Amino acid sequence: MRGSRGLPAFRDRLAQLAAEHGTTIRSLVEDLAQSTPTQAEYAERAELARAELASALDSAPSPEAEAKARALLERLGATPHGPRAAA
């Protein structure tokens, strides 16, 4: 939302979103902050997922398999903010 429209347009959009969700701007922002993982949390989740896969498959997924899975999730919109973790 950055650009020529500025802060009033940003505030108006937040107000509209809050109204549509039956809440306040403050609550909307708090919910976003609480429900959006940090980069460190994404990395921790990725490592836990790798460990679970390794345990279930009796071997770790290859870097190629991880890359394919990551690409699929990104195409599906499942990982819009997650880091690209190294294998």
C-alpha atoms as a PDB file:
ATOM      1  CA  MET A   1       0.000   0.000   0.000  1.00  0.00           C
ATOM      2  CA  ARG A   2       2.999   2.284  -0.127  1.00  0.00           C
ATOM      3  CA  GLY A   3       3.205   4.901  -2.799  1.00  0.00           C
ATOM      4  CA  SER A   4       1.360   8.031  -3.711  1.00  0.00           C
ATOM      5  CA  ARG A   5      -1.817   7.189  -1.787  1.00  0.00           C
ATOM      6  CA  GLY A   6      -0.112   7.388   1.594  1.00  0.00           C
ATOM      7  CA  LEU A   7      -1.146   6.817   5.167  1.00  0.00           C
ATOM      8  CA  PRO A   8      -4.804   7.934   4.967  1.00  0.00           C
ATOM      9  CA  ALA A   9      -5.547   5.359   2.256  1.00  0.00           C
ATOM     10  CA  PHE A  10      -3.748   2.685   4.270  1.00  0.00           C
ATOM     11  CA  ARG A  11      -5.726   3.591   7.407  1.00  0.00           C
ATOM     12  CA  ASP A  12      -8.982   3.609   5.404  1.00  0.00           C
ATOM     13  CA  ARG A  13      -8.243   0.140   4.055  1.00  0.00           C
ATOM     14  CA  LEU A  14      -7.513  -1.173   7.544  1.00  0.00           C
ATOM     15  CA  ALA A  15     -10.766   0.383   8.778  1.00  0.00           C
ATOM     16  CA  GLN A  16     -12.696  -1.268   5.948  1.00  0.00           C
ATOM     17  CA  LEU A  17     -11.108  -4.667   6.628  1.00  0.00           C
ATOM     18  CA  ALA A  18     -11.796  -4.334  10.350  1.00  0.00           C
ATOM     19  CA  ALA A  19     -15.442  -3.419   9.722  1.00  0.00           C
ATOM     20  CA  GLU A  20     -15.871  -6.356   7.342  1.00  0.00           C
ATOM     21  CA  HIS A  21     -14.507  -8.668  10.036  1.00  0.00           C
ATOM     22  CA  GLY A  22     -16.571  -7.084  12.790  1.00  0.00           C
ATOM     23  CA  THR A  23     -13.555  -5.925  14.758  1.00  0.00           C
ATOM     24  CA  THR A  24     -11.301  -2.936  15.313  1.00  0.00           C
ATOM     25  CA  ILE A  25      -8.123  -1.969  13.481  1.00  0.00           C
ATOM     26  CA  ARG A  26      -6.155  -2.702  16.639  1.00  0.00           C
ATOM     27  CA  SER A  27      -7.644  -6.206  16.961  1.00  0.00           C
ATOM     28  CA  LEU A  28      -7.109  -6.854  13.268  1.00  0.00           C
ATOM     29  CA  VAL A  29      -3.419  -5.964  13.549  1.00  0.00           C
ATOM     30  CA  GLU A  30      -3.027  -7.938  16.805  1.00  0.00           C
ATOM     31  CA  ASP A  31      -4.584 -11.021  15.187  1.00  0.00           C
ATOM     32  CA  LEU A  32      -2.251 -10.690  12.218  1.00  0.00           C
ATOM     33  CA  ALA A  33       0.805 -10.357  14.455  1.00  0.00           C
ATOM     34  CA  GLN A  34      -0.191 -13.355  16.558  1.00  0.00           C
ATOM     35  CA  SER A  35      -1.123 -15.619  13.650  1.00  0.00           C
ATOM     36  CA  THR A  36       1.791 -14.851  11.327  1.00  0.00           C
ATOM     37  CA  PRO A  37       4.933 -16.857  12.070  1.00  0.00           C
ATOM     38  CA  THR A  38       8.285 -15.114  12.250  1.00  0.00           C
ATOM     39  CA  GLN A  39      11.127 -16.205   9.963  1.00  0.00           C
ATOM     40  CA  ALA A  40      12.640 -18.125  12.909  1.00  0.00           C
ATOM     41  CA  GLU A  41       9.312 -19.896  13.520  1.00  0.00           C
ATOM     42  CA  TYR A  42       9.064 -20.834   9.825  1.00  0.00           C
ATOM     43  CA  ALA A  43      12.597 -22.240   9.961  1.00  0.00           C
ATOM     44  CA  GLU A  44      11.793 -24.206  13.114  1.00  0.00           C
ATOM     45  CA  ARG A  45       8.643 -25.643  11.511  1.00  0.00           C
ATOM     46  CA  ALA A  46      10.600 -26.618   8.404  1.00  0.00           C
ATOM     47  CA  GLU A  47      13.188 -28.428  10.507  1.00  0.00           C
ATOM     48  CA  LEU A  48      10.468 -30.252  12.450  1.00  0.00           C
ATOM     49  CA  ALA A  49       8.805 -31.273   9.172  1.00  0.00           C
ATOM     50  CA  ARG A  50      12.136 -32.586   7.843  1.00  0.00           C
ATOM     51  CA  ALA A  51      12.642 -34.609  11.027  1.00  0.00           C
ATOM     52  CA  GLU A  52       9.114 -36.051  10.809  1.00  0.00           C
ATOM     53  CA  LEU A  53       9.620 -37.018   7.162  1.00  0.00           C
ATOM     54  CA  ALA A  54      12.986 -38.572   7.906  1.00  0.00           C
ATOM     55  CA  SER A  55      11.441 -40.577  10.727  1.00  0.00           C
ATOM     56  CA  ALA A  56       8.458 -41.724   8.653  1.00  0.00           C
ATOM     57  CA  LEU A  57      10.527 -42.549   5.547  1.00  0.00           C
ATOM     58  CA  ASP A  58      13.595 -43.860   7.383  1.00  0.00           C
ATOM     59  CA  SER A  59      15.625 -41.324   5.394  1.00  0.00           C
ATOM     60  CA  ALA A  60      15.637 -37.587   4.833  1.00  0.00           C
ATOM     61  CA  PRO A  61      14.022 -36.186   1.678  1.00  0.00           C
ATOM     62  CA  SER A  62      16.515 -35.217  -0.997  1.00  0.00           C
ATOM     63  CA  PRO A  63      17.133 -31.534  -1.720  1.00  0.00           C
ATOM     64  CA  GLU A  64      15.378 -32.092  -5.066  1.00  0.00           C
ATOM     65  CA  ALA A  65      12.285 -33.527  -3.348  1.00  0.00           C
ATOM     66  CA  GLU A  66      12.223 -30.599  -0.926  1.00  0.00           C
ATOM     67  CA  ALA A  67      12.505 -28.123  -3.796  1.00  0.00           C
ATOM     68  CA  LYS A  68       9.619 -29.801  -5.642  1.00  0.00           C
ATOM     69  CA  ALA A  69       7.457 -29.804  -2.519  1.00  0.00           C
ATOM     70  CA  ARG A  70       8.280 -26.145  -1.806  1.00  0.00           C
ATOM     71  CA  ALA A  71       7.445 -25.177  -5.408  1.00  0.00           C
ATOM     72  CA  LEU A  72       4.115 -27.004  -5.204  1.00  0.00           C
ATOM     73  CA  LEU A  73       3.203 -25.319  -1.919  1.00  0.00           C
ATOM     74  CA  GLU A  74       4.114 -21.907  -3.334  1.00  0.00           C
ATOM     75  CA  ARG A  75       1.960 -22.528  -6.423  1.00  0.00           C
ATOM     76  CA  LEU A  76      -0.901 -23.473  -4.112  1.00  0.00           C
ATOM     77  CA  GLY A  77      -0.358 -20.309  -2.096  1.00  0.00           C
ATOM     78  CA  ALA A  78       0.511 -22.189   1.078  1.00  0.00           C
ATOM     79  CA  THR A  79       3.863 -20.518   1.766  1.00  0.00           C
ATOM     80  CA  PRO A  80       3.578 -16.824   0.943  1.00  0.00           C
ATOM     81  CA  HIS A  81       5.987 -15.606   3.626  1.00  0.00           C
ATOM     82  CA  GLY A  82       8.129 -18.568   4.576  1.00  0.00           C
ATOM     83  CA  PRO A  83      11.877 -18.530   4.139  1.00  0.00           C
ATOM     84  CA  ARG A  84      13.695 -20.624   1.628  1.00  0.00           C
ATOM     85  CA  ALA A  85      15.352 -22.991   4.037  1.00  0.00           C
ATOM     86  CA  ALA A  86      18.500 -24.781   3.011  1.00  0.00           C
ATOM     87  CA  ALA A  87      18.275 -28.551   2.882  1.00  0.00           C
END
